[in-house]
Protein backbone atom coordinates (compact mmCIF):
# COMPACT_ATOMS: atom_id res chain seq x y z
CA UNK A 1 -17.67 -2.71 3.03
CA UNK A 2 -15.39 -4.38 5.51
CA UNK A 3 -13.90 -7.82 5.39
CA UNK A 4 -13.86 -10.37 8.17
CA UNK A 5 -10.75 -11.78 9.82
CA UNK A 6 -9.36 -14.85 8.11
CA UNK A 7 -6.75 -17.50 8.67
CA UNK A 8 -4.39 -17.37 5.70
CA UNK A 9 -2.11 -20.20 4.69
CA UNK A 10 0.27 -20.76 1.82
CA UNK A 11 -2.64 -21.42 -0.54
CA UNK A 12 -4.67 -18.38 0.50
CA UNK A 13 -7.64 -18.14 2.85
CA UNK A 14 -8.10 -21.32 4.84
CA UNK A 15 -10.88 -20.26 7.20
CA UNK A 16 -12.98 -17.18 7.93
CA UNK A 17 -13.06 -16.19 11.59
CA UNK A 18 -16.57 -15.15 12.62
CA UNK A 19 -16.86 -12.15 14.91
CA UNK A 20 -19.91 -11.00 16.81
CA UNK A 21 -20.38 -7.25 17.13
CA UNK A 22 -23.19 -5.22 18.64
CA UNK A 23 -24.91 -2.60 16.49
CA UNK A 24 -22.92 0.13 18.27
CA UNK A 25 -19.64 -1.72 17.64
CA UNK A 26 -20.50 -2.17 13.95
CA UNK A 27 -21.25 1.55 13.68
CA UNK A 28 -17.97 2.51 15.38
CA UNK A 29 -16.03 0.07 13.18
CA UNK A 30 -17.57 1.54 10.03
CA UNK A 31 -16.78 5.07 11.21
CA UNK A 32 -13.17 4.08 11.89
CA UNK A 33 -12.89 2.45 8.47
CA UNK A 34 -14.19 5.63 6.81
CA UNK A 35 -11.57 7.74 8.61
CA UNK A 36 -8.80 5.34 7.58
CA UNK A 37 -10.00 5.29 3.97
CA UNK A 38 -10.03 9.09 3.81
CA UNK A 39 -6.55 9.22 5.34
CA UNK A 40 -5.20 6.68 2.84
CA UNK A 41 -6.62 8.68 -0.06
CA UNK A 42 -4.36 11.55 0.99
CA UNK A 43 -1.20 9.44 1.13
CA UNK A 44 1.02 9.56 -1.94
CA UNK A 45 3.29 6.66 -2.79
């Protein structure tokens, strides 16, 4: 699952920023997130 953009202040999240995406944009965003997650799993710290 993906999070939404937020405004963060000294006490944590102050406000969630709503975004409106088309179905195609949501699909592309999820695909991008999956690629990033897989890449991060291969990174050793």
